[in-house]
Amino acid sequence: DEQSRIEIFNSIGVKLDQFLVSEFAYDISL
């Protein structure tokens, strides 16, 4: 959907990164 978001968290719940997605396939730089 528009404004879809990906967030990456570590094992204790700290957000490390976030970005918007609009395609169904992505290469993500961690």
Full PDB file with SEQRES, HELIX, SHEET, SSBOND, CRYST1, ORIGX, SCALE, CONECT and MASTER records, all heavy atoms in Angstrom:
SEQRES   1 A   30  ASP GLU GLN SER ARG ILE GLU ILE PHE ASN SER ILE GLY          
SEQRES   2 A   30  VAL LYS LEU ASP GLN PHE LEU VAL SER GLU PHE ALA TYR          
SEQRES   3 A   30  ASP ILE SER LEU                                              
SHEET    1 AA1 2 SER A   4  PHE A   9  0                                        
SHEET    2 AA1 2 LYS A  15  VAL A  21 -1                                        
CRYST1    1.000    1.000    1.000  90.00  90.00  90.00 P 1           1          
ORIGX1      1.000000  0.000000  0.000000        0.00000                         
ORIGX2      0.000000  1.000000  0.000000        0.00000                         
ORIGX3      0.000000  0.000000  1.000000        0.00000                         
SCALE1      1.000000  0.000000  0.000000        0.00000                         
SCALE2      0.000000  1.000000  0.000000        0.00000                         
SCALE3      0.000000  0.000000  1.000000        0.00000                         
ATOM      1  N   ASP A   1       0.853  -1.194   0.000  1.00  0.00           N  
ATOM      2  CA  ASP A   1       0.000   0.000   0.000  1.00  0.00           C  
ATOM      3  C   ASP A   1       0.885   1.240   0.000  1.00  0.00           C  
ATOM      4  O   ASP A   1       2.068   1.173   0.348  1.00  0.00           O  
ATOM      5  CB  ASP A   1      -0.869   0.039   1.272  1.00  0.00           C  
ATOM      6  CG  ASP A   1      -1.792  -1.152   1.391  1.00  0.00           C  
ATOM      7  OD1 ASP A   1      -2.134  -1.751   0.361  1.00  0.00           O  
ATOM      8  OD2 ASP A   1      -2.169  -1.480   2.534  1.00  0.00           O  
ATOM      9  N   GLU A   2       0.277   2.382  -0.345  1.00  0.00           N  
ATOM     10  CA  GLU A   2       1.010   3.636  -0.208  1.00  0.00           C  
ATOM     11  C   GLU A   2       1.374   3.831   1.262  1.00  0.00           C  
ATOM     12  O   GLU A   2       0.632   3.445   2.155  1.00  0.00           O  
ATOM     13  CB  GLU A   2       0.152   4.807  -0.686  1.00  0.00           C  
ATOM     14  CG  GLU A   2       0.101   4.929  -2.186  1.00  0.00           C  
ATOM     15  CD  GLU A   2      -0.524   6.242  -2.618  1.00  0.00           C  
ATOM     16  OE1 GLU A   2      -0.334   7.260  -1.931  1.00  0.00           O  
ATOM     17  OE2 GLU A   2      -1.210   6.217  -3.655  1.00  0.00           O  
ATOM     18  N   GLN A   3       2.504   4.425   1.490  1.00  0.00           N  
ATOM     19  CA  GLN A   3       3.009   4.696   2.838  1.00  0.00           C  
ATOM     20  C   GLN A   3       3.308   3.409   3.626  1.00  0.00           C  
ATOM     21  O   GLN A   3       3.290   3.415   4.852  1.00  0.00           O  
ATOM     22  CB  GLN A   3       2.048   5.590   3.634  1.00  0.00           C  
ATOM     23  CG  GLN A   3       1.794   6.933   2.988  1.00  0.00           C  
ATOM     24  CD  GLN A   3       3.086   7.729   2.809  1.00  0.00           C  
ATOM     25  OE1 GLN A   3       3.871   7.872   3.729  1.00  0.00           O  
ATOM     26  NE2 GLN A   3       3.307   8.228   1.603  1.00  0.00           N  
ATOM     27  N   SER A   4       3.598   2.300   2.923  1.00  0.00           N  
ATOM     28  CA  SER A   4       4.035   1.083   3.607  1.00  0.00           C  
ATOM     29  C   SER A   4       5.434   1.309   4.144  1.00  0.00           C  
ATOM     30  O   SER A   4       6.266   1.936   3.503  1.00  0.00           O  
ATOM     31  CB  SER A   4       4.030  -0.101   2.638  1.00  0.00           C  
ATOM     32  OG  SER A   4       2.715  -0.386   2.221  1.00  0.00           O  
ATOM     33  N   ARG A   5       5.685   0.780   5.339  1.00  0.00           N  
ATOM     34  CA  ARG A   5       6.934   1.063   6.023  1.00  0.00           C  
ATOM     35  C   ARG A   5       7.599  -0.237   6.488  1.00  0.00           C  
ATOM     36  O   ARG A   5       6.927  -1.152   6.943  1.00  0.00           O  
ATOM     37  CB  ARG A   5       6.658   1.970   7.214  1.00  0.00           C  
ATOM     38  CG  ARG A   5       7.894   2.482   7.909  1.00  0.00           C  
ATOM     39  CD  ARG A   5       7.562   3.503   8.991  1.00  0.00           C  
ATOM     40  NE  ARG A   5       6.870   2.870  10.094  1.00  0.00           N  
ATOM     41  CZ  ARG A   5       5.689   3.279  10.576  1.00  0.00           C  
ATOM     42  NH1 ARG A   5       5.078   4.308  10.068  1.00  0.00           N  
ATOM     43  NH2 ARG A   5       5.132   2.648  11.586  1.00  0.00           N  
ATOM     44  N   ILE A   6       8.912  -0.266   6.384  1.00  0.00           N  
ATOM     45  CA  ILE A   6       9.720  -1.354   6.928  1.00  0.00           C  
ATOM     46  C   ILE A   6      10.532  -0.776   8.077  1.00  0.00           C  
ATOM     47  O   ILE A   6      11.130   0.296   7.950  1.00  0.00           O  
ATOM     48  CB  ILE A   6      10.684  -1.922   5.861  1.00  0.00           C  
ATOM     49  CG1 ILE A   6       9.931  -2.585   4.718  1.00  0.00           C  
ATOM     50  CG2 ILE A   6      11.699  -2.870   6.485  1.00  0.00           C  
ATOM     51  CD1 ILE A   6       9.271  -3.894   5.054  1.00  0.00           C  
ATOM     52  N   GLU A   7      10.546  -1.506   9.193  1.00  0.00           N  
ATOM     53  CA  GLU A   7      11.370  -1.125  10.333  1.00  0.00           C  
ATOM     54  C   GLU A   7      12.205  -2.339  10.732  1.00  0.00           C  
ATOM     55  O   GLU A   7      11.723  -3.463  10.676  1.00  0.00           O  
ATOM     56  CB  GLU A   7      10.496  -0.695  11.510  1.00  0.00           C  
ATOM     57  CG  GLU A   7       9.634   0.521  11.216  1.00  0.00           C  
ATOM     58  CD  GLU A   7       8.586   0.750  12.284  1.00  0.00           C  
ATOM     59  OE1 GLU A   7       7.774  -0.174  12.526  1.00  0.00           O  
ATOM     60  OE2 GLU A   7       8.599   1.841  12.876  1.00  0.00           O  
ATOM     61  N   ILE A   8      13.447  -2.087  11.134  1.00  0.00           N  
ATOM     62  CA  ILE A   8      14.334  -3.148  11.584  1.00  0.00           C  
ATOM     63  C   ILE A   8      14.667  -2.902  13.051  1.00  0.00           C  
ATOM     64  O   ILE A   8      15.041  -1.782  13.427  1.00  0.00           O  
ATOM     65  CB  ILE A   8      15.617  -3.193  10.731  1.00  0.00           C  
ATOM     66  CG1 ILE A   8      15.236  -3.509   9.273  1.00  0.00           C  
ATOM     67  CG2 ILE A   8      16.600  -4.235  11.272  1.00  0.00           C  
ATOM     68  CD1 ILE A   8      16.376  -3.428   8.294  1.00  0.00           C  
ATOM     69  N   PHE A   9      14.491  -3.960  13.855  1.00  0.00           N  
ATOM     70  CA  PHE A   9      14.717  -3.877  15.299  1.00  0.00           C  
ATOM     71  C   PHE A   9      15.750  -4.910  15.721  1.00  0.00           C  
ATOM     72  O   PHE A   9      15.822  -5.995  15.141  1.00  0.00           O  
ATOM     73  CB  PHE A   9      13.421  -4.176  16.072  1.00  0.00           C  
ATOM     74  CG  PHE A   9      12.307  -3.211  15.806  1.00  0.00           C  
ATOM     75  CD1 PHE A   9      11.408  -3.436  14.780  1.00  0.00           C  
ATOM     76  CD2 PHE A   9      12.151  -2.081  16.595  1.00  0.00           C  
ATOM     77  CE1 PHE A   9      10.373  -2.549  14.533  1.00  0.00           C  
ATOM     78  CE2 PHE A   9      11.118  -1.186  16.364  1.00  0.00           C  
ATOM     79  CZ  PHE A   9      10.229  -1.424  15.326  1.00  0.00           C  
ATOM     80  N   ASN A  10      16.481  -4.596  16.797  1.00  0.00           N  
ATOM     81  CA  ASN A  10      17.359  -5.614  17.375  1.00  0.00           C  
ATOM     82  C   ASN A  10      16.546  -6.485  18.328  1.00  0.00           C  
ATOM     83  O   ASN A  10      15.334  -6.280  18.500  1.00  0.00           O  
ATOM     84  CB  ASN A  10      18.605  -4.994  18.027  1.00  0.00           C  
ATOM     85  CG  ASN A  10      18.277  -4.167  19.258  1.00  0.00           C  
ATOM     86  OD1 ASN A  10      17.174  -4.234  19.823  1.00  0.00           O  
ATOM     87  ND2 ASN A  10      19.251  -3.379  19.697  1.00  0.00           N  
ATOM     88  N   SER A  11      17.208  -7.439  18.971  1.00  0.00           N  
ATOM     89  CA  SER A  11      16.486  -8.424  19.788  1.00  0.00           C  
ATOM     90  C   SER A  11      15.863  -7.840  21.048  1.00  0.00           C  
ATOM     91  O   SER A  11      14.992  -8.461  21.654  1.00  0.00           O  
ATOM     92  CB  SER A  11      17.419  -9.576  20.161  1.00  0.00           C  
ATOM     93  OG  SER A  11      18.512  -9.075  20.904  1.00  0.00           O  
ATOM     94  N   ILE A  12      16.258  -6.624  21.468  1.00  0.00           N  
ATOM     95  CA  ILE A  12      15.642  -6.025  22.657  1.00  0.00           C  
ATOM     96  C   ILE A  12      14.667  -4.899  22.282  1.00  0.00           C  
ATOM     97  O   ILE A  12      14.239  -4.130  23.134  1.00  0.00           O  
ATOM     98  CB  ILE A  12      16.705  -5.528  23.666  1.00  0.00           C  
ATOM     99  CG1 ILE A  12      17.638  -4.499  23.040  1.00  0.00           C  
ATOM    100  CG2 ILE A  12      17.477  -6.708  24.246  1.00  0.00           C  
ATOM    101  CD1 ILE A  12      18.567  -3.835  24.043  1.00  0.00           C  
ATOM    102  N   GLY A  13      14.325  -4.817  20.970  1.00  0.00           N  
ATOM    103  CA  GLY A  13      13.285  -3.888  20.550  1.00  0.00           C  
ATOM    104  C   GLY A  13      13.731  -2.496  20.165  1.00  0.00           C  
ATOM    105  O   GLY A  13      12.894  -1.622  19.971  1.00  0.00           O  
ATOM    106  N   VAL A  14      15.027  -2.254  20.048  1.00  0.00           N  
ATOM    107  CA  VAL A  14      15.518  -0.933  19.641  1.00  0.00           C  
ATOM    108  C   VAL A  14      15.451  -0.830  18.124  1.00  0.00           C  
ATOM    109  O   VAL A  14      15.965  -1.700  17.406  1.00  0.00           O  
ATOM    110  CB  VAL A  14      16.970  -0.706  20.123  1.00  0.00           C  
ATOM    111  CG1 VAL A  14      17.522   0.613  19.588  1.00  0.00           C  
ATOM    112  CG2 VAL A  14      17.032  -0.751  21.638  1.00  0.00           C  
ATOM    113  N   LYS A  15      14.779   0.230  17.641  1.00  0.00           N  
ATOM    114  CA  LYS A  15      14.660   0.425  16.190  1.00  0.00           C  
ATOM    115  C   LYS A  15      16.012   0.863  15.637  1.00  0.00           C  
ATOM    116  O   LYS A  15      16.599   1.836  16.089  1.00  0.00           O  
ATOM    117  CB  LYS A  15      13.599   1.470  15.862  1.00  0.00           C  
ATOM    118  CG  LYS A  15      13.344   1.574  14.359  1.00  0.00           C  
ATOM    119  CD  LYS A  15      12.461   2.744  13.953  1.00  0.00           C  
ATOM    120  CE  LYS A  15      11.151   2.778  14.680  1.00  0.00           C  
ATOM    121  NZ  LYS A  15      10.287   3.880  14.186  1.00  0.00           N  
ATOM    122  N   LEU A  16      16.490   0.126  14.608  1.00  0.00           N  
ATOM    123  CA  LEU A  16      17.787   0.407  14.004  1.00  0.00           C  
ATOM    124  C   LEU A  16      17.669   1.168  12.687  1.00  0.00           C  
ATOM    125  O   LEU A  16      18.590   1.880  12.303  1.00  0.00           O  
ATOM    126  CB  LEU A  16      18.547  -0.899  13.761  1.00  0.00           C  
ATOM    127  CG  LEU A  16      18.742  -1.795  14.980  1.00  0.00           C  
ATOM    128  CD1 LEU A  16      19.392  -3.093  14.571  1.00  0.00           C  
ATOM    129  CD2 LEU A  16      19.555  -1.064  16.040  1.00  0.00           C  
ATOM    130  N   ASP A  17      16.546   0.995  11.979  1.00  0.00           N  
ATOM    131  CA  ASP A  17      16.381   1.635  10.677  1.00  0.00           C  
ATOM    132  C   ASP A  17      14.910   1.565  10.288  1.00  0.00           C  
ATOM    133  O   ASP A  17      14.161   0.731  10.790  1.00  0.00           O  
ATOM    134  CB  ASP A  17      17.228   0.907   9.618  1.00  0.00           C  
ATOM    135  CG  ASP A  17      17.532   1.768   8.407  1.00  0.00           C  
ATOM    136  OD1 ASP A  17      17.091   2.936   8.362  1.00  0.00           O  
ATOM    137  OD2 ASP A  17      18.224   1.270   7.497  1.00  0.00           O  
ATOM    138  N   GLN A  18      14.505   2.465   9.401  1.00  0.00           N  
ATOM    139  CA  GLN A  18      13.158   2.408   8.834  1.00  0.00           C  
ATOM    140  C   GLN A  18      13.174   3.095   7.484  1.00  0.00           C  
ATOM    141  O   GLN A  18      13.992   3.957   7.222  1.00  0.00           O  
ATOM    142  CB  GLN A  18      12.125   3.057   9.745  1.00  0.00           C  
ATOM    143  CG  GLN A  18      12.133   4.562   9.757  1.00  0.00           C  
ATOM    144  CD  GLN A  18      10.956   5.099  10.546  1.00  0.00           C  
ATOM    145  OE1 GLN A  18      10.385   4.431  11.389  1.00  0.00           O  
ATOM    146  NE2 GLN A  18      10.594   6.333  10.269  1.00  0.00           N  
ATOM    147  N   PHE A  19      12.265   2.667   6.601  1.00  0.00           N  
ATOM    148  CA  PHE A  19      12.142   3.275   5.286  1.00  0.00           C  
ATOM    149  C   PHE A  19      10.803   2.901   4.682  1.00  0.00           C  
ATOM    150  O   PHE A  19      10.146   1.946   5.114  1.00  0.00           O  
ATOM    151  CB  PHE A  19      13.308   2.872   4.364  1.00  0.00           C  
ATOM    152  CG  PHE A  19      13.596   1.404   4.345  1.00  0.00           C  
ATOM    153  CD1 PHE A  19      13.011   0.574   3.409  1.00  0.00           C  
ATOM    154  CD2 PHE A  19      14.464   0.849   5.277  1.00  0.00           C  
ATOM    155  CE1 PHE A  19      13.267  -0.779   3.402  1.00  0.00           C  
ATOM    156  CE2 PHE A  19      14.729  -0.499   5.271  1.00  0.00           C  
ATOM    157  CZ  PHE A  19      14.132  -1.319   4.327  1.00  0.00           C  
ATOM    158  N   LEU A  20      10.376   3.654   3.671  1.00  0.00           N  
ATOM    159  CA  LEU A  20       9.132   3.388   2.953  1.00  0.00           C  
ATOM    160  C   LEU A  20       9.398   2.402   1.832  1.00  0.00           C  
ATOM    161  O   LEU A  20      10.480   2.407   1.237  1.00  0.00           O  
ATOM    162  CB  LEU A  20       8.545   4.684   2.394  1.00  0.00           C  
ATOM    163  CG  LEU A  20       8.132   5.729   3.421  1.00  0.00           C  
ATOM    164  CD1 LEU A  20       7.650   6.999   2.726  1.00  0.00           C  
ATOM    165  CD2 LEU A  20       7.046   5.192   4.343  1.00  0.00           C  
ATOM    166  N   VAL A  21       8.397   1.566   1.520  1.00  0.00           N  
ATOM    167  CA  VAL A  21       8.514   0.607   0.419  1.00  0.00           C  
ATOM    168  C   VAL A  21       7.337   0.773  -0.523  1.00  0.00           C  
ATOM    169  O   VAL A  21       6.225   1.088  -0.098  1.00  0.00           O  
ATOM    170  CB  VAL A  21       8.590  -0.847   0.921  1.00  0.00           C  
ATOM    171  CG1 VAL A  21       9.873  -1.101   1.662  1.00  0.00           C  
ATOM    172  CG2 VAL A  21       7.402  -1.210   1.780  1.00  0.00           C  
ATOM    173  N   SER A  22       7.596   0.573  -1.816  1.00  0.00           N  
ATOM    174  CA  SER A  22       6.521   0.678  -2.800  1.00  0.00           C  
ATOM    175  C   SER A  22       6.546  -0.457  -3.814  1.00  0.00           C  
ATOM    176  O   SER A  22       5.648  -0.569  -4.628  1.00  0.00           O  
ATOM    177  CB  SER A  22       6.609   2.026  -3.532  1.00  0.00           C  
ATOM    178  OG  SER A  22       7.857   2.142  -4.177  1.00  0.00           O  
ATOM    179  N   GLU A  23       7.563  -1.296  -3.782  1.00  0.00           N  
ATOM    180  CA  GLU A  23       7.683  -2.431  -4.696  1.00  0.00           C  
ATOM    181  C   GLU A  23       7.619  -3.726  -3.898  1.00  0.00           C  
ATOM    182  O   GLU A  23       7.864  -3.737  -2.699  1.00  0.00           O  
ATOM    183  CB  GLU A  23       9.009  -2.372  -5.458  1.00  0.00           C  
ATOM    184  CG  GLU A  23       9.192  -1.113  -6.278  1.00  0.00           C  
ATOM    185  CD  GLU A  23       8.222  -1.019  -7.433  1.00  0.00           C  
ATOM    186  OE1 GLU A  23       7.884  -2.074  -8.013  1.00  0.00           O  
ATOM    187  OE2 GLU A  23       7.780   0.095  -7.753  1.00  0.00           O  
ATOM    188  N   PHE A  24       7.332  -4.837  -4.592  1.00  0.00           N  
ATOM    189  CA  PHE A  24       7.202  -6.088  -3.854  1.00  0.00           C  
ATOM    190  C   PHE A  24       8.528  -6.839  -3.704  1.00  0.00           C  
ATOM    191  O   PHE A  24       8.598  -7.840  -3.017  1.00  0.00           O  
ATOM    192  CB  PHE A  24       6.108  -6.983  -4.442  1.00  0.00           C  
ATOM    193  CG  PHE A  24       6.429  -7.567  -5.783  1.00  0.00           C  
ATOM    194  CD1 PHE A  24       6.964  -8.822  -5.887  1.00  0.00           C  
ATOM    195  CD2 PHE A  24       6.161  -6.857  -6.940  1.00  0.00           C  
ATOM    196  CE1 PHE A  24       7.249  -9.361  -7.125  1.00  0.00           C  
ATOM    197  CE2 PHE A  24       6.432  -7.391  -8.173  1.00  0.00           C  
ATOM    198  CZ  PHE A  24       6.991  -8.647  -8.265  1.00  0.00           C  
ATOM    199  N   ALA A  25       9.618  -6.333  -4.292  1.00  0.00           N  
ATOM    200  CA  ALA A  25      10.941  -6.927  -4.106  1.00  0.00           C  
ATOM    201  C   ALA A  25      11.933  -5.809  -3.797  1.00  0.00           C  
ATOM    202  O   ALA A  25      11.920  -4.773  -4.459  1.00  0.00           O  
ATOM    203  CB  ALA A  25      11.369  -7.679  -5.348  1.00  0.00           C  
ATOM    204  N   TYR A  26      12.761  -6.038  -2.801  1.00  0.00           N  
ATOM    205  CA  TYR A  26      13.734  -5.035  -2.371  1.00  0.00           C  
ATOM    206  C   TYR A  26      15.053  -5.675  -1.990  1.00  0.00           C  
ATOM    207  O   TYR A  26      15.072  -6.745  -1.381  1.00  0.00           O  
ATOM    208  CB  TYR A  26      13.233  -4.286  -1.114  1.00  0.00           C  
ATOM    209  CG  TYR A  26      12.483  -3.041  -1.421  1.00  0.00           C  
ATOM    210  CD1 TYR A  26      11.118  -3.076  -1.610  1.00  0.00           C  
ATOM    211  CD2 TYR A  26      13.145  -1.825  -1.538  1.00  0.00           C  
ATOM    212  CE1 TYR A  26      10.419  -1.928  -1.899  1.00  0.00           C  
ATOM    213  CE2 TYR A  26      12.445  -0.668  -1.823  1.00  0.00           C  
ATOM    214  CZ  TYR A  26      11.084  -0.730  -2.008  1.00  0.00           C  
ATOM    215  OH  TYR A  26      10.397   0.406  -2.299  1.00  0.00           O  
ATOM    216  N   ASP A  27      16.136  -4.988  -2.308  1.00  0.00           N  
ATOM    217  CA  ASP A  27      17.435  -5.299  -1.726  1.00  0.00           C  
ATOM    218  C   ASP A  27      17.611  -4.311  -0.585  1.00  0.00           C  
ATOM    219  O   ASP A  27      17.565  -3.102  -0.802  1.00  0.00           O  
ATOM    220  CB  ASP A  27      18.557  -5.133  -2.751  1.00  0.00           C  
ATOM    221  CG  ASP A  27      18.523  -6.212  -3.820  1.00  0.00           C  
ATOM    222  OD1 ASP A  27      18.271  -7.378  -3.466  1.00  0.00           O  
ATOM    223  OD2 ASP A  27      18.732  -5.884  -4.994  1.00  0.00           O  
ATOM    224  N   ILE A  28      17.798  -4.824   0.614  1.00  0.00           N  
ATOM    225  CA  ILE A  28      17.904  -3.966   1.792  1.00  0.00           C  
ATOM    226  C   ILE A  28      19.347  -3.950   2.278  1.00  0.00           C  
ATOM    227  O   ILE A  28      19.930  -4.998   2.551  1.00  0.00           O  
ATOM    228  CB  ILE A  28      16.991  -4.470   2.927  1.00  0.00           C  
ATOM    229  CG1 ILE A  28      15.529  -4.424   2.490  1.00  0.00           C  
ATOM    230  CG2 ILE A  28      17.208  -3.672   4.202  1.00  0.00           C  
ATOM    231  CD1 ILE A  28      14.581  -5.039   3.483  1.00  0.00           C  
ATOM    232  N   SER A  29      19.914  -2.755   2.373  1.00  0.00           N  
ATOM    233  CA  SER A  29      21.223  -2.593   3.009  1.00  0.00           C  
ATOM    234  C   SER A  29      20.976  -2.493   4.508  1.00  0.00           C  
ATOM    235  O   SER A  29      20.284  -1.586   4.967  1.00  0.00           O  
ATOM    236  CB  SER A  29      21.912  -1.321   2.510  1.00  0.00           C  
ATOM    237  OG  SER A  29      22.213  -1.439   1.142  1.00  0.00           O  
ATOM    238  N   LEU A  30      21.519  -3.433   5.240  1.00  0.00           N  
ATOM    239  CA  LEU A  30      21.303  -3.456   6.687  1.00  0.00           C  
ATOM    240  C   LEU A  30      22.153  -2.371   7.351  1.00  0.00           C  
ATOM    241  O   LEU A  30      23.178  -1.959   6.808  1.00  0.00           O  
ATOM    242  CB  LEU A  30      21.659  -4.835   7.235  1.00  0.00           C  
ATOM    243  CG  LEU A  30      20.762  -5.975   6.730  1.00  0.00           C  
ATOM    244  CD1 LEU A  30      21.310  -7.319   7.170  1.00  0.00           C  
ATOM    245  CD2 LEU A  30      19.334  -5.794   7.213  1.00  0.00           C  
TER     246      LEU A  30                                                      
MASTER        0    0    0    0    2    0    0    6  245    1    0    3          
END                                                                             
